[in-house]
Amino acid sequence: MDRHTPMDRESADRISAAADRDPTSPTATSGFDGRAQAAADRNDENDEEDD
């Protein structure tokens, strides 16, 4: 059973919004919001190729 859930656009947007609300949070300072956006972009590209 695969436990990996791909990052989707909605989740990445929620993470970015949280980082914007509190720029001193660990999410914002670690750069996780940017990595989440990049992962969502990659997954969007993969979804388009599968169609």
N, C-alpha and C. Protein backbone atom coordinates (compact mmCIF):
# COMPACT_ATOMS: atom_id res chain seq x y z
N MET A 1 0.85 -1.18 0.00
CA MET A 1 0.00 0.00 0.00
C MET A 1 0.89 1.24 0.00
N ASP A 2 0.66 2.11 -0.95
CA ASP A 2 1.45 3.32 -1.10
C ASP A 2 0.92 4.40 -0.17
N ARG A 3 1.79 4.94 0.65
CA ARG A 3 1.37 5.96 1.59
C ARG A 3 1.68 7.36 1.10
N HIS A 4 2.25 7.46 -0.07
CA HIS A 4 2.63 8.75 -0.62
C HIS A 4 1.41 9.41 -1.27
N THR A 5 1.13 10.64 -0.87
CA THR A 5 0.06 11.41 -1.49
C THR A 5 0.69 12.59 -2.21
N PRO A 6 0.50 12.67 -3.52
CA PRO A 6 1.12 13.77 -4.26
C PRO A 6 0.57 15.13 -3.82
N MET A 7 1.44 16.14 -3.86
CA MET A 7 1.04 17.49 -3.50
C MET A 7 0.11 18.02 -4.57
N ASP A 8 -1.06 18.50 -4.17
CA ASP A 8 -1.97 19.09 -5.15
C ASP A 8 -1.99 20.60 -4.99
N ARG A 9 -2.57 21.27 -5.94
CA ARG A 9 -2.59 22.74 -5.96
C ARG A 9 -3.29 23.31 -4.72
N GLU A 10 -4.40 22.72 -4.32
CA GLU A 10 -5.14 23.22 -3.16
C GLU A 10 -4.29 23.17 -1.89
N SER A 11 -3.60 22.08 -1.69
CA SER A 11 -2.75 21.94 -0.50
C SER A 11 -1.59 22.93 -0.54
N ALA A 12 -0.97 23.07 -1.70
CA ALA A 12 0.14 24.01 -1.84
C ALA A 12 -0.31 25.44 -1.58
N ASP A 13 -1.47 25.79 -2.06
CA ASP A 13 -2.00 27.14 -1.82
C ASP A 13 -2.29 27.36 -0.34
N ARG A 14 -2.78 26.34 0.33
CA ARG A 14 -3.07 26.45 1.77
C ARG A 14 -1.77 26.62 2.56
N ILE A 15 -0.73 25.90 2.17
CA ILE A 15 0.57 26.02 2.84
C ILE A 15 1.16 27.41 2.62
N SER A 16 1.06 27.91 1.39
CA SER A 16 1.58 29.24 1.09
C SER A 16 0.82 30.33 1.86
N ALA A 17 -0.47 30.17 1.96
CA ALA A 17 -1.28 31.15 2.69
C ALA A 17 -0.88 31.16 4.17
N ALA A 18 -0.63 30.00 4.74
CA ALA A 18 -0.20 29.92 6.14
C ALA A 18 1.15 30.60 6.31
N ALA A 19 2.05 30.39 5.37
CA ALA A 19 3.37 31.03 5.45
C ALA A 19 3.26 32.54 5.31
N ASP A 20 2.34 33.00 4.47
CA ASP A 20 2.12 34.45 4.30
C ASP A 20 1.54 35.08 5.56
N ARG A 21 0.65 34.34 6.24
CA ARG A 21 0.05 34.87 7.47
C ARG A 21 1.07 35.04 8.59
N ASP A 22 2.04 34.12 8.66
CA ASP A 22 3.04 34.16 9.72
C ASP A 22 4.43 33.92 9.13
N PRO A 23 5.07 35.01 8.66
CA PRO A 23 6.37 34.85 8.00
C PRO A 23 7.49 34.33 8.90
N THR A 24 7.28 34.29 10.20
CA THR A 24 8.31 33.76 11.11
C THR A 24 8.06 32.30 11.48
N SER A 25 7.02 31.71 10.92
CA SER A 25 6.71 30.32 11.24
C SER A 25 7.74 29.38 10.62
N PRO A 26 7.85 28.18 11.17
CA PRO A 26 8.79 27.22 10.59
C PRO A 26 8.48 26.91 9.11
N THR A 27 7.21 26.91 8.75
CA THR A 27 6.84 26.66 7.35
C THR A 27 7.40 27.73 6.44
N ALA A 28 7.31 28.97 6.87
CA ALA A 28 7.79 30.09 6.05
C ALA A 28 9.31 30.16 6.04
N THR A 29 9.92 30.00 7.19
CA THR A 29 11.38 30.18 7.26
C THR A 29 12.15 29.01 6.66
N SER A 30 11.52 27.84 6.58
CA SER A 30 12.22 26.68 6.02
C SER A 30 12.13 26.63 4.50
N GLY A 31 11.24 27.43 3.92
CA GLY A 31 11.05 27.41 2.48
C GLY A 31 10.11 26.31 2.02
N PHE A 32 9.41 25.70 2.96
CA PHE A 32 8.50 24.61 2.60
C PHE A 32 7.40 25.07 1.66
N ASP A 33 6.95 26.32 1.83
CA ASP A 33 5.88 26.80 0.96
C ASP A 33 6.33 26.81 -0.50
N GLY A 34 7.55 27.21 -0.75
CA GLY A 34 8.06 27.20 -2.13
C GLY A 34 8.22 25.80 -2.67
N ARG A 35 8.67 24.87 -1.82
CA ARG A 35 8.82 23.49 -2.26
C ARG A 35 7.45 22.85 -2.54
N ALA A 36 6.46 23.23 -1.75
CA ALA A 36 5.11 22.71 -1.97
C ALA A 36 4.56 23.22 -3.31
N GLN A 37 4.78 24.49 -3.60
CA GLN A 37 4.33 25.04 -4.87
C GLN A 37 5.02 24.35 -6.04
N ALA A 38 6.32 24.12 -5.92
CA ALA A 38 7.07 23.46 -6.98
C ALA A 38 6.57 22.03 -7.19
N ALA A 39 6.27 21.34 -6.11
CA ALA A 39 5.76 19.98 -6.23
C ALA A 39 4.39 19.97 -6.89
N ALA A 40 3.55 20.92 -6.53
CA ALA A 40 2.23 21.00 -7.15
C ALA A 40 2.36 21.30 -8.64
N ASP A 41 3.30 22.16 -9.00
CA ASP A 41 3.55 22.45 -10.42
C ASP A 41 3.97 21.18 -11.16
N ARG A 42 4.89 20.42 -10.58
CA ARG A 42 5.34 19.18 -11.20
C ARG A 42 4.18 18.20 -11.36
N ASN A 43 3.36 18.09 -10.32
CA ASN A 43 2.24 17.15 -10.38
C ASN A 43 1.20 17.59 -11.39
N ASP A 44 0.99 18.91 -11.54
CA ASP A 44 0.07 19.41 -12.55
C ASP A 44 0.57 19.03 -13.94
N GLU A 45 1.89 19.15 -14.18
CA GLU A 45 2.46 18.78 -15.45
C GLU A 45 2.29 17.30 -15.72
N ASN A 46 2.50 16.49 -14.71
CA ASN A 46 2.34 15.04 -14.86
C ASN A 46 0.89 14.67 -15.15
N ASP A 47 -0.05 15.37 -14.52
CA ASP A 47 -1.46 15.10 -14.77
C ASP A 47 -1.84 15.43 -16.21
N GLU A 48 -1.27 16.51 -16.75
CA GLU A 48 -1.56 16.89 -18.13
C GLU A 48 -1.03 15.85 -19.10
N GLU A 49 0.14 15.27 -18.79
CA GLU A 49 0.72 14.26 -19.66
C GLU A 49 -0.10 12.97 -19.66
N ASP A 50 -0.75 12.69 -18.53
CA ASP A 50 -1.53 11.46 -18.40
C ASP A 50 -2.85 11.54 -19.15
N ASP A 51 -3.33 12.75 -19.41
CA ASP A 51 -4.63 12.92 -20.07
C ASP A 51 -4.60 12.61 -21.52
